[in-house]
Amino acid sequence: MLDICLLGTGGMMPLPNRFLTSLLARYNGNSVLIDCGEGTQVAIKKKGWSVNPIGLICITHFHGDHVAGIPGLLLSIGNSGRTDPLTILGPKGIEKVVKSLCIIAPELPFDVNFVEIEGDGGVFEFLGMKIEAFKVKHNVVCYGYNIVVERAGRFLPDKAKENDVPLKCWNRLQKGEVVEFEGKTYTPDMVMGGERRGLKVTYCTDTRPVTVIAEKAADADLFICEGMYGDHESDQKAKEKKHMTMYEACELGKKANPRKMWLTHYSPAMAHPEMYIKEAKEIFNKVKLGKDGKSIDLMFDEDE
């Protein structure tokens, strides 16, 4: 199971009833945070989730509404008793940016490691999750992210017996190991079925609509995408500021066809996003408005 919470849905600045856009994902006791605007730790506390398990923070880009909350969050994590290292992943220069911000948080009870994304993106492994970064189109270097949980095939005892695999090897083969036993080599495919559908969440904000977004969000369990503007008078502003309208986001959703889609990163001037959702649904009917604290438990498909 992959727990997802959209902590906040605001762009540019926090509002009294709208936190800045960020996402928290929980899997097997570990948490991944994407983006950290000011007050993110408050949004986590309001949700009732803990900051302590956050072991990876992914930053999309270096604008204040996405990074300014890092010092406060790290201090909150430190006060939670965490001593295990924490990793921060982001565009080139992430270490310099975070260390500059954290002058006000000089002593933490855990080490912070930094990983820079290069070029068009990359794939990073984190405690059973695969983090895929892909470059989008903003007015500074910006990345979208996929959080992927892969799922191995089912263990097939009959297949193991047909292949004369000794019982003592079964457990290690199920874990993906190649086993040498009594002069013979046994491989996982001798006891396992084909890979099953895993889980995928796509998160994308602060960008113009580009093809790679639909490609990366294809068949996602959940696609979270910015829909900064809802009124058509802002179409030109979206182009100039390198953002998206709700309708442009839904065109991407239509191409990607995720199982679910949420909009986020609303302009401070858009007080009532619900005014525009009907027209957005005419483009892609699976879309829903993201709301602060909106969460979902994503489950693996039941075996047929």
C-alpha atoms as a PDB file:
ATOM      1  CA  MET A   1       0.000   0.000   0.000  1.00  0.00           C
ATOM      2  CA  LEU A   2       1.172   3.508  -0.891  1.00  0.00           C
ATOM      3  CA  ASP A   3      -0.353   6.344   1.157  1.00  0.00           C
ATOM      4  CA  ILE A   4      -0.484   9.714  -0.591  1.00  0.00           C
ATOM      5  CA  CYS A   5      -1.391  13.069   0.921  1.00  0.00           C
ATOM      6  CA  LEU A   6      -1.542  16.340  -0.978  1.00  0.00           C
ATOM      7  CA  LEU A   7      -0.523  18.545   1.930  1.00  0.00           C
ATOM      8  CA  GLY A   8      -1.277  21.846   0.236  1.00  0.00           C
ATOM      9  CA  THR A   9      -2.599  23.149  -3.061  1.00  0.00           C
ATOM     10  CA  GLY A  10      -1.446  26.775  -3.163  1.00  0.00           C
ATOM     11  CA  GLY A  11       0.981  28.398  -5.564  1.00  0.00           C
ATOM     12  CA  MET A  12       3.158  31.473  -5.033  1.00  0.00           C
ATOM     13  CA  MET A  13       2.120  32.256  -1.459  1.00  0.00           C
ATOM     14  CA  PRO A  14       0.291  30.528   1.394  1.00  0.00           C
ATOM     15  CA  LEU A  15      -3.226  31.719   2.178  1.00  0.00           C
ATOM     16  CA  PRO A  16      -5.143  31.464   5.471  1.00  0.00           C
ATOM     17  CA  ASN A  17      -6.926  28.349   4.238  1.00  0.00           C
ATOM     18  CA  ARG A  18      -4.481  27.044   1.646  1.00  0.00           C
ATOM     19  CA  PHE A  19      -0.997  25.676   2.277  1.00  0.00           C
ATOM     20  CA  LEU A  20       1.657  25.702  -0.434  1.00  0.00           C
ATOM     21  CA  THR A  21       1.815  22.747  -2.791  1.00  0.00           C
ATOM     22  CA  SER A  22       3.590  19.686  -1.441  1.00  0.00           C
ATOM     23  CA  LEU A  23       3.066  15.947  -1.414  1.00  0.00           C
ATOM     24  CA  LEU A  24       3.844  13.313   1.205  1.00  0.00           C
ATOM     25  CA  ALA A  25       4.033   9.623   0.310  1.00  0.00           C
ATOM     26  CA  ARG A  26       4.324   6.775   2.833  1.00  0.00           C
ATOM     27  CA  TYR A  27       5.439   3.232   2.054  1.00  0.00           C
ATOM     28  CA  ASN A  28       6.614   0.473   4.414  1.00  0.00           C
ATOM     29  CA  GLY A  29       7.275   2.888   7.264  1.00  0.00           C
ATOM     30  CA  ASN A  30       9.261   5.382   5.178  1.00  0.00           C
ATOM     31  CA  SER A  31       8.130   8.737   3.810  1.00  0.00           C
ATOM     32  CA  VAL A  32       9.001  10.801   0.733  1.00  0.00           C
ATOM     33  CA  LEU A  33       8.191  14.497   0.555  1.00  0.00           C
ATOM     34  CA  ILE A  34       7.973  16.372  -2.740  1.00  0.00           C
ATOM     35  CA  ASP A  35       8.493  20.141  -2.376  1.00  0.00           C
ATOM     36  CA  CYS A  36       8.629  22.077   0.864  1.00  0.00           C
ATOM     37  CA  GLY A  37       7.197  25.569   0.887  1.00  0.00           C
ATOM     38  CA  GLU A  38       6.943  27.554   4.100  1.00  0.00           C
ATOM     39  CA  GLY A  39       4.723  25.912   6.695  1.00  0.00           C
ATOM     40  CA  THR A  40       4.948  22.401   5.272  1.00  0.00           C
ATOM     41  CA  GLN A  41       5.606  20.940   8.710  1.00  0.00           C
ATOM     42  CA  VAL A  42       2.378  22.577   9.930  1.00  0.00           C
ATOM     43  CA  ALA A  43       0.422  20.953   7.101  1.00  0.00           C
ATOM     44  CA  ILE A  44       1.885  17.557   8.057  1.00  0.00           C
ATOM     45  CA  LYS A  45       0.945  18.066  11.685  1.00  0.00           C
ATOM     46  CA  LYS A  46      -2.565  19.183  10.714  1.00  0.00           C
ATOM     47  CA  LYS A  47      -2.951  15.971   8.700  1.00  0.00           C
ATOM     48  CA  GLY A  48      -1.927  13.968  11.757  1.00  0.00           C
ATOM     49  CA  TRP A  49       1.058  12.347  10.068  1.00  0.00           C
ATOM     50  CA  SER A  50       4.599  12.340  11.467  1.00  0.00           C
ATOM     51  CA  VAL A  51       7.664  14.128  10.088  1.00  0.00           C
ATOM     52  CA  ASN A  52       9.993  11.558  11.649  1.00  0.00           C
ATOM     53  CA  PRO A  53       9.887   8.929   8.851  1.00  0.00           C
ATOM     54  CA  ILE A  54      10.741  11.450   6.115  1.00  0.00           C
ATOM     55  CA  GLY A  55      13.954  10.078   4.649  1.00  0.00           C
ATOM     56  CA  LEU A  56      13.842  11.699   1.217  1.00  0.00           C
ATOM     57  CA  ILE A  57      12.860  15.203   0.128  1.00  0.00           C
ATOM     58  CA  CYS A  58      12.479  15.795  -3.624  1.00  0.00           C
ATOM     59  CA  ILE A  59      12.580  19.391  -4.822  1.00  0.00           C
ATOM     60  CA  THR A  60      11.114  20.333  -8.197  1.00  0.00           C
ATOM     61  CA  HIS A  61      12.842  23.720  -8.552  1.00  0.00           C
ATOM     62  CA  PHE A  62      14.323  26.651  -6.677  1.00  0.00           C
ATOM     63  CA  HIS A  63      11.409  29.015  -6.172  1.00  0.00           C
ATOM     64  CA  GLY A  64      10.536  30.065  -2.638  1.00  0.00           C
ATOM     65  CA  ASP A  65       7.084  28.497  -2.568  1.00  0.00           C
ATOM     66  CA  HIS A  66       8.768  25.121  -3.132  1.00  0.00           C
ATOM     67  CA  VAL A  67      11.880  25.314  -0.923  1.00  0.00           C
ATOM     68  CA  ALA A  68      11.508  28.020   1.746  1.00  0.00           C
ATOM     69  CA  GLY A  69      10.061  25.600   4.295  1.00  0.00           C
ATOM     70  CA  ILE A  70      13.099  23.321   4.379  1.00  0.00           C
ATOM     71  CA  PRO A  71      14.817  24.813   7.479  1.00  0.00           C
ATOM     72  CA  GLY A  72      11.668  24.632   9.582  1.00  0.00           C
ATOM     73  CA  LEU A  73      10.896  21.124   8.423  1.00  0.00           C
ATOM     74  CA  LEU A  74      14.419  19.870   9.161  1.00  0.00           C
ATOM     75  CA  LEU A  75      14.256  21.388  12.636  1.00  0.00           C
ATOM     76  CA  SER A  76      10.895  19.683  13.222  1.00  0.00           C
ATOM     77  CA  ILE A  77      12.344  16.361  12.038  1.00  0.00           C
ATOM     78  CA  GLY A  78      15.287  16.852  14.401  1.00  0.00           C
ATOM     79  CA  ASN A  79      12.936  17.577  17.286  1.00  0.00           C
ATOM     80  CA  SER A  80      11.041  14.360  16.499  1.00  0.00           C
ATOM     81  CA  GLY A  81      14.062  12.310  17.561  1.00  0.00           C
ATOM     82  CA  ARG A  82      15.279  11.247  14.136  1.00  0.00           C
ATOM     83  CA  THR A  83      18.976  10.404  13.927  1.00  0.00           C
ATOM     84  CA  ASP A  84      19.028   8.434  10.662  1.00  0.00           C
ATOM     85  CA  PRO A  85      20.433  10.292   7.637  1.00  0.00           C
ATOM     86  CA  LEU A  86      18.090  12.159   5.309  1.00  0.00           C
ATOM     87  CA  THR A  87      18.564  12.719   1.574  1.00  0.00           C
ATOM     88  CA  ILE A  88      17.523  15.768  -0.443  1.00  0.00           C
ATOM     89  CA  LEU A  89      17.172  15.294  -4.202  1.00  0.00           C
ATOM     90  CA  GLY A  90      16.858  18.192  -6.608  1.00  0.00           C
ATOM     91  CA  PRO A  91      18.237  20.181  -9.546  1.00  0.00           C
ATOM     92  CA  LYS A  92      21.908  21.019  -9.855  1.00  0.00           C
ATOM     93  CA  GLY A  93      22.851  23.359  -7.008  1.00  0.00           C
ATOM     94  CA  ILE A  94      20.514  21.751  -4.452  1.00  0.00           C
ATOM     95  CA  GLU A  95      23.239  21.481  -1.805  1.00  0.00           C
ATOM     96  CA  LYS A  96      24.189  25.154  -2.085  1.00  0.00           C
ATOM     97  CA  VAL A  97      20.564  26.294  -1.937  1.00  0.00           C
ATOM     98  CA  VAL A  98      19.644  24.169   1.080  1.00  0.00           C
ATOM     99  CA  LYS A  99      22.791  25.016   3.030  1.00  0.00           C
ATOM    100  CA  SER A 100      22.157  28.712   2.414  1.00  0.00           C
ATOM    101  CA  LEU A 101      18.621  28.374   3.738  1.00  0.00           C
ATOM    102  CA  CYS A 102      19.762  26.291   6.704  1.00  0.00           C
ATOM    103  CA  ILE A 103      22.075  28.906   8.188  1.00  0.00           C
ATOM    104  CA  ILE A 104      19.234  29.294  10.684  1.00  0.00           C
ATOM    105  CA  ALA A 105      19.277  25.535  11.372  1.00  0.00           C
ATOM    106  CA  PRO A 106      22.993  24.830  11.783  1.00  0.00           C
ATOM    107  CA  GLU A 107      22.865  21.844  14.116  1.00  0.00           C
ATOM    108  CA  LEU A 108      20.756  18.838  13.293  1.00  0.00           C
ATOM    109  CA  PRO A 109      20.919  15.390  14.954  1.00  0.00           C
ATOM    110  CA  PHE A 110      21.123  13.639  11.567  1.00  0.00           C
ATOM    111  CA  ASP A 111      23.244  13.907   8.447  1.00  0.00           C
ATOM    112  CA  VAL A 112      21.786  15.426   5.285  1.00  0.00           C
ATOM    113  CA  ASN A 113      22.968  13.974   1.993  1.00  0.00           C
ATOM    114  CA  PHE A 114      22.436  15.644  -1.359  1.00  0.00           C
ATOM    115  CA  VAL A 115      21.817  14.158  -4.794  1.00  0.00           C
ATOM    116  CA  GLU A 116      21.787  16.379  -7.873  1.00  0.00           C
ATOM    117  CA  ILE A 117      19.667  15.573 -10.913  1.00  0.00           C
ATOM    118  CA  GLU A 118      21.512  16.060 -14.168  1.00  0.00           C
ATOM    119  CA  GLY A 119      20.225  16.751 -17.662  1.00  0.00           C
ATOM    120  CA  ASP A 120      16.753  15.526 -18.505  1.00  0.00           C
ATOM    121  CA  GLY A 121      16.341  13.513 -15.315  1.00  0.00           C
ATOM    122  CA  GLY A 122      17.195  10.149 -13.822  1.00  0.00           C
ATOM    123  CA  VAL A 123      16.039   7.213 -11.725  1.00  0.00           C
ATOM    124  CA  PHE A 124      16.853   6.903  -8.022  1.00  0.00           C
ATOM    125  CA  GLU A 125      16.189   4.022  -5.645  1.00  0.00           C
ATOM    126  CA  PHE A 126      14.857   4.706  -2.144  1.00  0.00           C
ATOM    127  CA  LEU A 127      13.884   1.958   0.306  1.00  0.00           C
ATOM    128  CA  GLY A 128      11.677  -0.051  -2.022  1.00  0.00           C
ATOM    129  CA  MET A 129      10.517   2.922  -4.077  1.00  0.00           C
ATOM    130  CA  LYS A 130      11.807   4.069  -7.438  1.00  0.00           C
ATOM    131  CA  ILE A 131      11.926   7.840  -7.903  1.00  0.00           C
ATOM    132  CA  GLU A 132      11.897   8.964 -11.536  1.00  0.00           C
ATOM    133  CA  ALA A 133      12.754  12.606 -12.245  1.00  0.00           C
ATOM    134  CA  PHE A 134      11.900  14.145 -15.610  1.00  0.00           C
ATOM    135  CA  LYS A 135      12.611  17.665 -16.865  1.00  0.00           C
ATOM    136  CA  VAL A 136       9.664  19.960 -17.569  1.00  0.00           C
ATOM    137  CA  LYS A 137       9.382  23.519 -18.913  1.00  0.00           C
ATOM    138  CA  HIS A 138       9.390  26.363 -16.387  1.00  0.00           C
ATOM    139  CA  ASN A 139      11.342  29.617 -16.302  1.00  0.00           C
ATOM    140  CA  VAL A 140      14.020  27.903 -14.187  1.00  0.00           C
ATOM    141  CA  VAL A 141      15.232  24.291 -14.265  1.00  0.00           C
ATOM    142  CA  CYS A 142      12.340  22.196 -12.976  1.00  0.00           C
ATOM    143  CA  TYR A 143      11.580  18.481 -12.669  1.00  0.00           C
ATOM    144  CA  GLY A 144       8.469  16.409 -12.299  1.00  0.00           C
ATOM    145  CA  TYR A 145       8.561  13.151 -10.336  1.00  0.00           C
ATOM    146  CA  ASN A 146       7.175   9.647 -10.477  1.00  0.00           C
ATOM    147  CA  ILE A 147       7.020   7.556  -7.326  1.00  0.00           C
ATOM    148  CA  VAL A 148       6.966   3.925  -8.423  1.00  0.00           C
ATOM    149  CA  VAL A 149       6.543   0.786  -6.337  1.00  0.00           C
ATOM    150  CA  GLU A 150       7.291  -2.262  -8.450  1.00  0.00           C
ATOM    151  CA  ARG A 151       5.747  -5.636  -7.744  1.00  0.00           C
ATOM    152  CA  ALA A 152       7.438  -8.938  -8.371  1.00  0.00           C
ATOM    153  CA  GLY A 153       5.622 -11.921  -9.765  1.00  0.00           C
ATOM    154  CA  ARG A 154       3.851 -14.391  -7.544  1.00  0.00           C
ATOM    155  CA  PHE A 155       5.817 -17.317  -6.083  1.00  0.00           C
ATOM    156  CA  LEU A 156       4.725 -20.523  -7.838  1.00  0.00           C
ATOM    157  CA  PRO A 157       5.494 -23.660  -5.797  1.00  0.00           C
ATOM    158  CA  ASP A 158       4.416 -25.958  -8.643  1.00  0.00           C
ATOM    159  CA  LYS A 159       6.867 -24.232 -10.981  1.00  0.00           C
ATOM    160  CA  ALA A 160       9.640 -24.647  -8.412  1.00  0.00           C
ATOM    161  CA  LYS A 161       8.896 -28.367  -8.157  1.00  0.00           C
ATOM    162  CA  GLU A 162       8.774 -28.769 -11.945  1.00  0.00           C
ATOM    163  CA  ASN A 163      12.225 -27.199 -12.144  1.00  0.00           C
ATOM    164  CA  ASP A 164      13.554 -29.422  -9.323  1.00  0.00           C
ATOM    165  CA  VAL A 165      14.457 -26.432  -7.180  1.00  0.00           C
ATOM    166  CA  PRO A 166      15.433 -27.544  -3.656  1.00  0.00           C
ATOM    167  CA  LEU A 167      13.144 -26.302  -0.898  1.00  0.00           C
ATOM    168  CA  LYS A 168      16.117 -24.684   0.866  1.00  0.00           C
ATOM    169  CA  CYS A 169      16.526 -22.264  -2.069  1.00  0.00           C
ATOM    170  CA  TRP A 170      12.941 -21.080  -2.333  1.00  0.00           C
ATOM    171  CA  ASN A 171      13.106 -18.205   0.124  1.00  0.00           C
ATOM    172  CA  ARG A 172      16.211 -16.593  -1.370  1.00  0.00           C
ATOM    173  CA  LEU A 173      14.909 -17.006  -4.911  1.00  0.00           C
ATOM    174  CA  GLN A 174      11.686 -15.232  -3.929  1.00  0.00           C
ATOM    175  CA  LYS A 175      13.847 -12.290  -2.854  1.00  0.00           C
ATOM    176  CA  GLY A 176      15.394 -12.086  -6.316  1.00  0.00           C
ATOM    177  CA  GLU A 177      18.704 -13.761  -5.504  1.00  0.00           C
ATOM    178  CA  VAL A 178      20.577 -16.174  -7.752  1.00  0.00           C
ATOM    179  CA  VAL A 179      21.414 -19.227  -5.658  1.00  0.00           C
ATOM    180  CA  GLU A 180      24.306 -21.698  -5.989  1.00  0.00           C
ATOM    181  CA  PHE A 181      23.442 -24.981  -4.271  1.00  0.00           C
ATOM    182  CA  GLU A 182      25.161 -28.369  -4.512  1.00  0.00           C
ATOM    183  CA  GLY A 183      26.913 -27.458  -7.738  1.00  0.00           C
ATOM    184  CA  LYS A 184      23.846 -26.088  -9.517  1.00  0.00           C
ATOM    185  CA  THR A 185      22.659 -22.537 -10.205  1.00  0.00           C
ATOM    186  CA  TYR A 186      19.048 -21.545  -9.571  1.00  0.00           C
ATOM    187  CA  THR A 187      17.500 -18.275 -10.755  1.00  0.00           C
ATOM    188  CA  PRO A 188      14.310 -16.466  -9.607  1.00  0.00           C
ATOM    189  CA  ASP A 189      12.494 -17.133 -12.899  1.00  0.00           C
ATOM    190  CA  MET A 190      12.545 -20.826 -11.999  1.00  0.00           C
ATOM    191  CA  VAL A 191      10.101 -20.239  -9.127  1.00  0.00           C
ATOM    192  CA  MET A 192       8.363 -16.935  -9.939  1.00  0.00           C
ATOM    193  CA  GLY A 193       5.626 -15.826 -12.291  1.00  0.00           C
ATOM    194  CA  GLY A 194       5.844 -12.686 -14.426  1.00  0.00           C
ATOM    195  CA  GLU A 195       5.942  -9.215 -12.884  1.00  0.00           C
ATOM    196  CA  ARG A 196       2.618  -7.839 -11.734  1.00  0.00           C
ATOM    197  CA  ARG A 197       1.335  -4.285 -12.008  1.00  0.00           C
ATOM    198  CA  GLY A 198       2.830  -2.076  -9.325  1.00  0.00           C
ATOM    199  CA  LEU A 199       1.873   1.439  -8.229  1.00  0.00           C
ATOM    200  CA  LYS A 200       2.765   4.782  -9.781  1.00  0.00           C
ATOM    201  CA  VAL A 201       2.115   8.371  -8.729  1.00  0.00           C
ATOM    202  CA  THR A 202       3.059  11.253 -11.026  1.00  0.00           C
ATOM    203  CA  TYR A 203       3.574  14.738  -9.573  1.00  0.00           C
ATOM    204  CA  CYS A 204       4.106  17.711 -11.848  1.00  0.00           C
ATOM    205  CA  THR A 205       3.908  21.429 -11.202  1.00  0.00           C
ATOM    206  CA  ASP A 206       5.258  24.768 -12.463  1.00  0.00           C
ATOM    207  CA  THR A 207       5.507  23.990 -16.151  1.00  0.00           C
ATOM    208  CA  ARG A 208       4.009  24.471 -19.536  1.00  0.00           C
ATOM    209  CA  PRO A 209       2.318  21.375 -20.985  1.00  0.00           C
ATOM    210  CA  VAL A 210       5.035  19.272 -22.617  1.00  0.00           C
ATOM    211  CA  THR A 211       4.855  15.803 -24.135  1.00  0.00           C
ATOM    212  CA  VAL A 212       7.095  14.165 -21.537  1.00  0.00           C
ATOM    213  CA  ILE A 213       4.513  14.790 -18.811  1.00  0.00           C
ATOM    214  CA  ALA A 214       1.838  12.721 -20.532  1.00  0.00           C
ATOM    215  CA  GLU A 215       4.415  10.045 -21.306  1.00  0.00           C
ATOM    216  CA  LYS A 216       5.541   9.782 -17.677  1.00  0.00           C
ATOM    217  CA  ALA A 217       1.985   9.907 -16.315  1.00  0.00           C
ATOM    218  CA  ALA A 218       0.713   7.219 -18.691  1.00  0.00           C
ATOM    219  CA  ASP A 219      -1.412   4.671 -16.808  1.00  0.00           C
ATOM    220  CA  ALA A 220      -0.487   6.198 -13.418  1.00  0.00           C
ATOM    221  CA  ASP A 221      -2.619   5.265 -10.436  1.00  0.00           C
ATOM    222  CA  LEU A 222      -2.680   8.968  -9.567  1.00  0.00           C
ATOM    223  CA  PHE A 223      -1.591  11.972 -11.634  1.00  0.00           C
ATOM    224  CA  ILE A 224      -1.243  15.215  -9.667  1.00  0.00           C
ATOM    225  CA  CYS A 225      -0.772  18.195 -11.951  1.00  0.00           C
ATOM    226  CA  GLU A 226      -0.811  21.941 -11.614  1.00  0.00           C
ATOM    227  CA  GLY A 227      -3.891  23.788 -12.779  1.00  0.00           C
ATOM    228  CA  MET A 228      -2.890  27.279 -11.770  1.00  0.00           C
ATOM    229  CA  TYR A 229      -5.550  29.164 -13.687  1.00  0.00           C
ATOM    230  CA  GLY A 230      -9.198  28.450 -14.397  1.00  0.00           C
ATOM    231  CA  ASP A 231     -10.394  31.621 -16.089  1.00  0.00           C
ATOM    232  CA  HIS A 232      -9.626  31.897 -19.788  1.00  0.00           C
ATOM    233  CA  GLU A 233      -8.504  35.498 -19.337  1.00  0.00           C
ATOM    234  CA  SER A 234      -5.339  34.037 -17.769  1.00  0.00           C
ATOM    235  CA  ASP A 235      -4.399  31.897 -20.777  1.00  0.00           C
ATOM    236  CA  GLN A 236      -1.732  34.355 -21.907  1.00  0.00           C
ATOM    237  CA  LYS A 237      -0.430  34.784 -18.374  1.00  0.00           C
ATOM    238  CA  ALA A 238       0.025  31.007 -18.114  1.00  0.00           C
ATOM    239  CA  LYS A 239       2.175  31.066 -21.236  1.00  0.00           C
ATOM    240  CA  GLU A 240       4.247  34.040 -20.054  1.00  0.00           C
ATOM    241  CA  LYS A 241       4.807  32.679 -16.539  1.00  0.00           C
ATOM    242  CA  LYS A 242       5.414  29.105 -17.780  1.00  0.00           C
ATOM    243  CA  HIS A 243       2.457  27.636 -15.923  1.00  0.00           C
ATOM    244  CA  MET A 244      -0.646  25.688 -16.950  1.00  0.00           C
ATOM    245  CA  THR A 245      -4.368  26.245 -16.951  1.00  0.00           C
ATOM    246  CA  MET A 246      -6.698  23.564 -15.648  1.00  0.00           C
ATOM    247  CA  TYR A 247      -7.706  22.814 -19.205  1.00  0.00           C
ATOM    248  CA  GLU A 248      -4.148  22.349 -20.438  1.00  0.00           C
ATOM    249  CA  ALA A 249      -3.542  19.987 -17.505  1.00  0.00           C
ATOM    250  CA  CYS A 250      -6.639  17.988 -18.445  1.00  0.00           C
ATOM    251  CA  GLU A 251      -5.433  17.673 -22.036  1.00  0.00           C
ATOM    252  CA  LEU A 252      -2.338  15.988 -20.611  1.00  0.00           C
ATOM    253  CA  GLY A 253      -4.560  13.810 -18.451  1.00  0.00           C
ATOM    254  CA  LYS A 254      -6.581  12.801 -21.492  1.00  0.00           C
ATOM    255  CA  LYS A 255      -3.404  11.661 -23.253  1.00  0.00           C
ATOM    256  CA  ALA A 256      -1.932   9.893 -20.214  1.00  0.00           C
ATOM    257  CA  ASN A 257      -5.217   8.313 -19.061  1.00  0.00           C
ATOM    258  CA  PRO A 258      -4.290   7.787 -15.394  1.00  0.00           C
ATOM    259  CA  ARG A 259      -6.715   5.994 -13.111  1.00  0.00           C
ATOM    260  CA  LYS A 260      -7.182   9.177 -11.083  1.00  0.00           C
ATOM    261  CA  MET A 261      -6.145  12.808 -11.551  1.00  0.00           C
ATOM    262  CA  TRP A 262      -5.993  15.700  -9.074  1.00  0.00           C
ATOM    263  CA  LEU A 263      -5.332  19.346  -9.828  1.00  0.00           C
ATOM    264  CA  THR A 264      -3.156  21.519  -7.578  1.00  0.00           C
ATOM    265  CA  HIS A 265      -0.970  24.681  -7.364  1.00  0.00           C
ATOM    266  CA  TYR A 266      -3.805  27.163  -7.630  1.00  0.00           C
ATOM    267  CA  SER A 267      -3.134  30.855  -8.142  1.00  0.00           C
ATOM    268  CA  PRO A 268      -3.758  32.998  -5.025  1.00  0.00           C
ATOM    269  CA  ALA A 269      -6.203  34.955  -7.169  1.00  0.00           C
ATOM    270  CA  MET A 270      -8.288  31.814  -7.761  1.00  0.00           C
ATOM    271  CA  ALA A 271     -10.324  31.699  -4.576  1.00  0.00           C
ATOM    272  CA  HIS A 272     -12.859  29.163  -5.844  1.00  0.00           C
ATOM    273  CA  PRO A 273     -11.316  26.462  -8.080  1.00  0.00           C
ATOM    274  CA  GLU A 274     -14.632  24.608  -7.988  1.00  0.00           C
ATOM    275  CA  MET A 275     -16.041  27.212 -10.386  1.00  0.00           C
ATOM    276  CA  TYR A 276     -13.989  25.713 -13.210  1.00  0.00           C
ATOM    277  CA  ILE A 277     -14.029  21.971 -12.601  1.00  0.00           C
ATOM    278  CA  LYS A 278     -17.130  21.289 -14.719  1.00  0.00           C
ATOM    279  CA  GLU A 279     -15.424  22.602 -17.870  1.00  0.00           C
ATOM    280  CA  ALA A 280     -12.214  20.725 -16.961  1.00  0.00           C
ATOM    281  CA  LYS A 281     -14.172  17.460 -16.670  1.00  0.00           C
ATOM    282  CA  GLU A 282     -15.484  17.928 -20.184  1.00  0.00           C
ATOM    283  CA  ILE A 283     -11.884  17.414 -21.335  1.00  0.00           C
ATOM    284  CA  PHE A 284     -10.955  14.579 -18.937  1.00  0.00           C
ATOM    285  CA  ASN A 285     -13.739  13.225 -16.783  1.00  0.00           C
ATOM    286  CA  LYS A 286     -11.491  11.508 -14.215  1.00  0.00           C
ATOM    287  CA  VAL A 287     -10.102  14.811 -12.954  1.00  0.00           C
ATOM    288  CA  LYS A 288     -10.885  16.091  -9.467  1.00  0.00           C
ATOM    289  CA  LEU A 289      -9.836  19.153  -7.527  1.00  0.00           C
ATOM    290  CA  GLY A 290      -6.972  18.658  -5.130  1.00  0.00           C
ATOM    291  CA  LYS A 291      -7.636  20.033  -1.658  1.00  0.00           C
ATOM    292  CA  ASP A 292      -5.345  20.595   1.313  1.00  0.00           C
ATOM    293  CA  GLY A 293      -5.007  17.338   3.205  1.00  0.00           C
ATOM    294  CA  LYS A 294      -6.647  15.239   0.470  1.00  0.00           C
ATOM    295  CA  SER A 295      -5.293  11.714   0.722  1.00  0.00           C
ATOM    296  CA  ILE A 296      -5.683   8.264  -0.741  1.00  0.00           C
ATOM    297  CA  ASP A 297      -4.461   4.743   0.008  1.00  0.00           C
ATOM    298  CA  LEU A 298      -3.308   3.165  -3.235  1.00  0.00           C
ATOM    299  CA  MET A 299      -3.519  -0.622  -3.211  1.00  0.00           C
ATOM    300  CA  PHE A 300      -2.014  -3.254  -5.472  1.00  0.00           C
ATOM    301  CA  ASP A 301      -4.467  -4.837  -7.879  1.00  0.00           C
ATOM    302  CA  GLU A 302      -5.960  -8.059  -6.581  1.00  0.00           C
ATOM    303  CA  ASP A 303      -4.548 -11.119  -8.283  1.00  0.00           C
ATOM    304  CA  GLU A 304      -6.818 -12.661 -10.853  1.00  0.00           C
END
